Amino acid sequence: MIKSKIQPPFLKAGDQVAIISPSFSADKEKILNGATLLEKWGLKVRIGRNAFKILGQFAGSDSDRLDDLQEMTDNRDIKAIFCSRGGYGISKIIDKADFSSLKKHPKWYIGFSDVTVLHMWLNEFCGLVTLHAEMPVNYAN
């Protein structure tokens, strides 16, 4: 167990953030509305290339969802990753993600519900502080 936790830098206007769908599929319009709100806060939003995919109840295949999680995790310019919504899909890919880049370039991960799996993993194995908070599909702008 890691005792000392890493807190990412606070977000500021102009920072790049990402919205991904690592679990269940989400309504495209709701994700875009969430992105609009984040942009109104002065953030630059990048949406994962697989965020709008639908495969059954999931946002694309396990590989699609992992690709977005890994790409945004590895991108040094991304300062926070917002999970669009919950669903148990994150449990299927969490052990395949490489979070080693977070030691040098920590970032915020935001979400709740089944995204708690991601929070627990990052807290326990990476020593990273995360935000158990509302997700973009629930934002009103």
C-alpha atoms as a PDB file:
ATOM      1  CA  MET A   1       0.000   0.000   0.000  1.00  0.00           C
ATOM      2  CA  ILE A   2       1.297   3.452  -0.950  1.00  0.00           C
ATOM      3  CA  LYS A   3       1.117   5.850   1.996  1.00  0.00           C
ATOM      4  CA  SER A   4       2.223   9.093   0.356  1.00  0.00           C
ATOM      5  CA  LYS A   5      -0.269  10.275  -2.269  1.00  0.00           C
ATOM      6  CA  ILE A   6       0.431  12.290  -5.415  1.00  0.00           C
ATOM      7  CA  GLN A   7      -1.945  15.192  -5.981  1.00  0.00           C
ATOM      8  CA  PRO A   8      -2.063  16.452  -9.565  1.00  0.00           C
ATOM      9  CA  PRO A   9      -1.827  20.213 -10.153  1.00  0.00           C
ATOM     10  CA  PHE A  10      -5.116  22.099  -9.943  1.00  0.00           C
ATOM     11  CA  LEU A  11      -6.750  22.844 -13.293  1.00  0.00           C
ATOM     12  CA  LYS A  12      -6.555  26.343 -14.711  1.00  0.00           C
ATOM     13  CA  ALA A  13      -8.007  28.097 -17.737  1.00  0.00           C
ATOM     14  CA  GLY A  14      -6.328  26.923 -20.903  1.00  0.00           C
ATOM     15  CA  ASP A  15      -5.580  23.412 -19.622  1.00  0.00           C
ATOM     16  CA  GLN A  16      -6.401  20.485 -21.895  1.00  0.00           C
ATOM     17  CA  VAL A  17      -8.734  17.845 -20.514  1.00  0.00           C
ATOM     18  CA  ALA A  18     -10.232  14.705 -22.011  1.00  0.00           C
ATOM     19  CA  ILE A  19     -13.582  12.973 -21.956  1.00  0.00           C
ATOM     20  CA  ILE A  20     -13.496   9.214 -22.498  1.00  0.00           C
ATOM     21  CA  SER A  21     -16.042   6.426 -22.174  1.00  0.00           C
ATOM     22  CA  PRO A  22     -14.173   3.552 -20.487  1.00  0.00           C
ATOM     23  CA  SER A  23     -17.353   1.703 -19.513  1.00  0.00           C
ATOM     24  CA  PHE A  24     -20.909   1.946 -20.807  1.00  0.00           C
ATOM     25  CA  SER A  25     -21.881   3.889 -23.898  1.00  0.00           C
ATOM     26  CA  ALA A  26     -23.182   7.399 -23.364  1.00  0.00           C
ATOM     27  CA  ASP A  27     -25.486   9.659 -25.310  1.00  0.00           C
ATOM     28  CA  LYS A  28     -23.368  11.711 -27.744  1.00  0.00           C
ATOM     29  CA  GLU A  29     -25.404  14.874 -27.183  1.00  0.00           C
ATOM     30  CA  LYS A  30     -24.937  14.641 -23.413  1.00  0.00           C
ATOM     31  CA  ILE A  31     -21.176  14.191 -23.790  1.00  0.00           C
ATOM     32  CA  LEU A  32     -21.008  17.179 -26.127  1.00  0.00           C
ATOM     33  CA  ASN A  33     -23.080  19.254 -23.680  1.00  0.00           C
ATOM     34  CA  GLY A  34     -20.617  18.292 -20.938  1.00  0.00           C
ATOM     35  CA  ALA A  35     -17.720  19.320 -23.175  1.00  0.00           C
ATOM     36  CA  THR A  36     -19.400  22.676 -23.820  1.00  0.00           C
ATOM     37  CA  LEU A  37     -19.697  23.322 -20.097  1.00  0.00           C
ATOM     38  CA  LEU A  38     -16.036  22.457 -19.517  1.00  0.00           C
ATOM     39  CA  GLU A  39     -15.094  24.820 -22.351  1.00  0.00           C
ATOM     40  CA  LYS A  40     -17.144  27.571 -20.693  1.00  0.00           C
ATOM     41  CA  TRP A  41     -14.905  27.037 -17.653  1.00  0.00           C
ATOM     42  CA  GLY A  42     -11.922  27.859 -19.878  1.00  0.00           C
ATOM     43  CA  LEU A  43     -10.721  24.293 -20.443  1.00  0.00           C
ATOM     44  CA  LYS A  44      -9.773  22.854 -23.831  1.00  0.00           C
ATOM     45  CA  VAL A  45     -11.649  19.592 -24.289  1.00  0.00           C
ATOM     46  CA  ARG A  46     -10.517  16.606 -26.285  1.00  0.00           C
ATOM     47  CA  ILE A  47     -12.956  13.711 -26.697  1.00  0.00           C
ATOM     48  CA  GLY A  48     -11.608  10.181 -27.036  1.00  0.00           C
ATOM     49  CA  ARG A  49     -11.936   8.827 -30.564  1.00  0.00           C
ATOM     50  CA  ASN A  50     -13.980   5.868 -29.280  1.00  0.00           C
ATOM     51  CA  ALA A  51     -16.126   7.803 -26.787  1.00  0.00           C
ATOM     52  CA  PHE A  52     -19.262   7.644 -28.927  1.00  0.00           C
ATOM     53  CA  LYS A  53     -19.001   3.993 -29.976  1.00  0.00           C
ATOM     54  CA  ILE A  54     -21.684   1.501 -29.008  1.00  0.00           C
ATOM     55  CA  LEU A  55     -21.182  -2.232 -28.685  1.00  0.00           C
ATOM     56  CA  GLY A  56     -24.073  -3.670 -26.723  1.00  0.00           C
ATOM     57  CA  GLN A  57     -24.129  -1.647 -23.525  1.00  0.00           C
ATOM     58  CA  PHE A  58     -20.435  -0.730 -23.778  1.00  0.00           C
ATOM     59  CA  ALA A  59     -18.713   2.195 -25.470  1.00  0.00           C
ATOM     60  CA  GLY A  60     -16.995  -0.014 -28.026  1.00  0.00           C
ATOM     61  CA  SER A  61     -14.892  -3.096 -27.496  1.00  0.00           C
ATOM     62  CA  ASP A  62     -12.588  -3.624 -24.533  1.00  0.00           C
ATOM     63  CA  SER A  63      -9.728  -2.701 -26.863  1.00  0.00           C
ATOM     64  CA  ASP A  64     -11.460   0.536 -27.979  1.00  0.00           C
ATOM     65  CA  ARG A  65     -12.066   1.639 -24.412  1.00  0.00           C
ATOM     66  CA  LEU A  66      -8.558   0.703 -23.293  1.00  0.00           C
ATOM     67  CA  ASP A  67      -7.058   2.575 -26.266  1.00  0.00           C
ATOM     68  CA  ASP A  68      -8.771   5.820 -25.220  1.00  0.00           C
ATOM     69  CA  LEU A  69      -7.834   5.383 -21.560  1.00  0.00           C
ATOM     70  CA  GLN A  70      -4.209   4.664 -22.452  1.00  0.00           C
ATOM     71  CA  GLU A  71      -3.905   7.424 -25.046  1.00  0.00           C
ATOM     72  CA  MET A  72      -5.196  10.106 -22.687  1.00  0.00           C
ATOM     73  CA  THR A  73      -3.193   8.735 -19.751  1.00  0.00           C
ATOM     74  CA  ASP A  74       0.018   8.881 -21.806  1.00  0.00           C
ATOM     75  CA  ASN A  75      -0.671  12.344 -23.269  1.00  0.00           C
ATOM     76  CA  ARG A  76       1.370  14.816 -21.210  1.00  0.00           C
ATOM     77  CA  ASP A  77      -0.774  17.738 -22.384  1.00  0.00           C
ATOM     78  CA  ILE A  78      -3.951  16.276 -20.878  1.00  0.00           C
ATOM     79  CA  LYS A  79      -4.317  17.501 -17.278  1.00  0.00           C
ATOM     80  CA  ALA A  80      -7.554  15.671 -16.384  1.00  0.00           C
ATOM     81  CA  ILE A  81      -9.591  12.749 -17.685  1.00  0.00           C
ATOM     82  CA  PHE A  82     -13.350  12.858 -17.242  1.00  0.00           C
ATOM     83  CA  CYS A  83     -15.165   9.531 -17.568  1.00  0.00           C
ATOM     84  CA  SER A  84     -18.385  10.204 -19.484  1.00  0.00           C
ATOM     85  CA  ARG A  85     -20.414   7.749 -17.385  1.00  0.00           C
ATOM     86  CA  GLY A  86     -20.183   4.621 -15.265  1.00  0.00           C
ATOM     87  CA  GLY A  87     -20.786   0.968 -15.959  1.00  0.00           C
ATOM     88  CA  TYR A  88     -18.786  -2.119 -15.141  1.00  0.00           C
ATOM     89  CA  GLY A  89     -16.762  -1.973 -18.374  1.00  0.00           C
ATOM     90  CA  ILE A  90     -13.804  -0.346 -16.637  1.00  0.00           C
ATOM     91  CA  SER A  91     -13.410  -3.514 -14.576  1.00  0.00           C
ATOM     92  CA  LYS A  92     -12.732  -5.463 -17.762  1.00  0.00           C
ATOM     93  CA  ILE A  93      -9.766  -3.305 -18.823  1.00  0.00           C
ATOM     94  CA  ILE A  94      -8.232  -1.757 -15.693  1.00  0.00           C
ATOM     95  CA  ASP A  95      -5.511  -4.398 -15.284  1.00  0.00           C
ATOM     96  CA  LYS A  96      -4.374  -3.915 -18.891  1.00  0.00           C
ATOM     97  CA  ALA A  97      -3.723  -0.151 -18.603  1.00  0.00           C
ATOM     98  CA  ASP A  98      -0.221   1.188 -18.024  1.00  0.00           C
ATOM     99  CA  PHE A  99      -0.291   4.068 -15.562  1.00  0.00           C
ATOM    100  CA  SER A 100       3.493   4.404 -15.164  1.00  0.00           C
ATOM    101  CA  SER A 101       3.528   7.829 -16.875  1.00  0.00           C
ATOM    102  CA  LEU A 102       1.539   9.286 -13.960  1.00  0.00           C
ATOM    103  CA  LYS A 103       4.601   9.298 -11.712  1.00  0.00           C
ATOM    104  CA  LYS A 104       6.156  12.060 -13.826  1.00  0.00           C
ATOM    105  CA  HIS A 105       2.955  13.587 -15.194  1.00  0.00           C
ATOM    106  CA  PRO A 106       0.072  13.146 -12.723  1.00  0.00           C
ATOM    107  CA  LYS A 107      -3.412  14.121 -13.811  1.00  0.00           C
ATOM    108  CA  TRP A 108      -6.902  14.103 -12.400  1.00  0.00           C
ATOM    109  CA  TYR A 109      -9.340  11.261 -13.118  1.00  0.00           C
ATOM    110  CA  ILE A 110     -12.971  12.231 -12.569  1.00  0.00           C
ATOM    111  CA  GLY A 111     -16.109  10.109 -12.276  1.00  0.00           C
ATOM    112  CA  PHE A 112     -18.233   8.069  -9.873  1.00  0.00           C
ATOM    113  CA  SER A 113     -20.402   4.955  -9.763  1.00  0.00           C
ATOM    114  CA  ASP A 114     -18.488   2.037 -11.277  1.00  0.00           C
ATOM    115  CA  VAL A 115     -15.628   4.408 -12.122  1.00  0.00           C
ATOM    116  CA  THR A 116     -14.797   3.887  -8.442  1.00  0.00           C
ATOM    117  CA  VAL A 117     -12.810   0.851  -9.646  1.00  0.00           C
ATOM    118  CA  LEU A 118     -10.498   3.265 -11.479  1.00  0.00           C
ATOM    119  CA  HIS A 119     -10.225   5.513  -8.413  1.00  0.00           C
ATOM    120  CA  MET A 120      -9.333   2.599  -6.152  1.00  0.00           C
ATOM    121  CA  TRP A 121      -6.765   1.245  -8.618  1.00  0.00           C
ATOM    122  CA  LEU A 122      -5.065   4.620  -9.083  1.00  0.00           C
ATOM    123  CA  ASN A 123      -5.110   5.341  -5.360  1.00  0.00           C
ATOM    124  CA  GLU A 124      -3.859   1.940  -4.251  1.00  0.00           C
ATOM    125  CA  PHE A 125      -1.342   1.054  -6.962  1.00  0.00           C
ATOM    126  CA  CYS A 126      -0.249   4.484  -8.206  1.00  0.00           C
ATOM    127  CA  GLY A 127      -0.701   6.574  -5.082  1.00  0.00           C
ATOM    128  CA  LEU A 128      -2.700   9.124  -7.091  1.00  0.00           C
ATOM    129  CA  VAL A 129      -5.379  11.414  -5.692  1.00  0.00           C
ATOM    130  CA  THR A 130      -8.516  11.315  -7.898  1.00  0.00           C
ATOM    131  CA  LEU A 131     -11.937  12.972  -7.867  1.00  0.00           C
ATOM    132  CA  HIS A 132     -15.074  10.981  -7.119  1.00  0.00           C
ATOM    133  CA  ALA A 133     -17.338  13.513  -8.830  1.00  0.00           C
ATOM    134  CA  GLU A 134     -20.150  14.082 -11.292  1.00  0.00           C
ATOM    135  CA  MET A 135     -19.654  12.928 -14.877  1.00  0.00           C
ATOM    136  CA  PRO A 136     -20.203  14.845 -18.146  1.00  0.00           C
ATOM    137  CA  VAL A 137     -23.435  13.039 -19.073  1.00  0.00           C
ATOM    138  CA  ASN A 138     -25.011  14.677 -16.027  1.00  0.00           C
ATOM    139  CA  TYR A 139     -23.707  18.209 -16.556  1.00  0.00           C
ATOM    140  CA  ALA A 140     -26.201  20.930 -17.375  1.00  0.00           C
ATOM    141  CA  ASN A 141     -24.882  23.981 -19.168  1.00  0.00           C
END
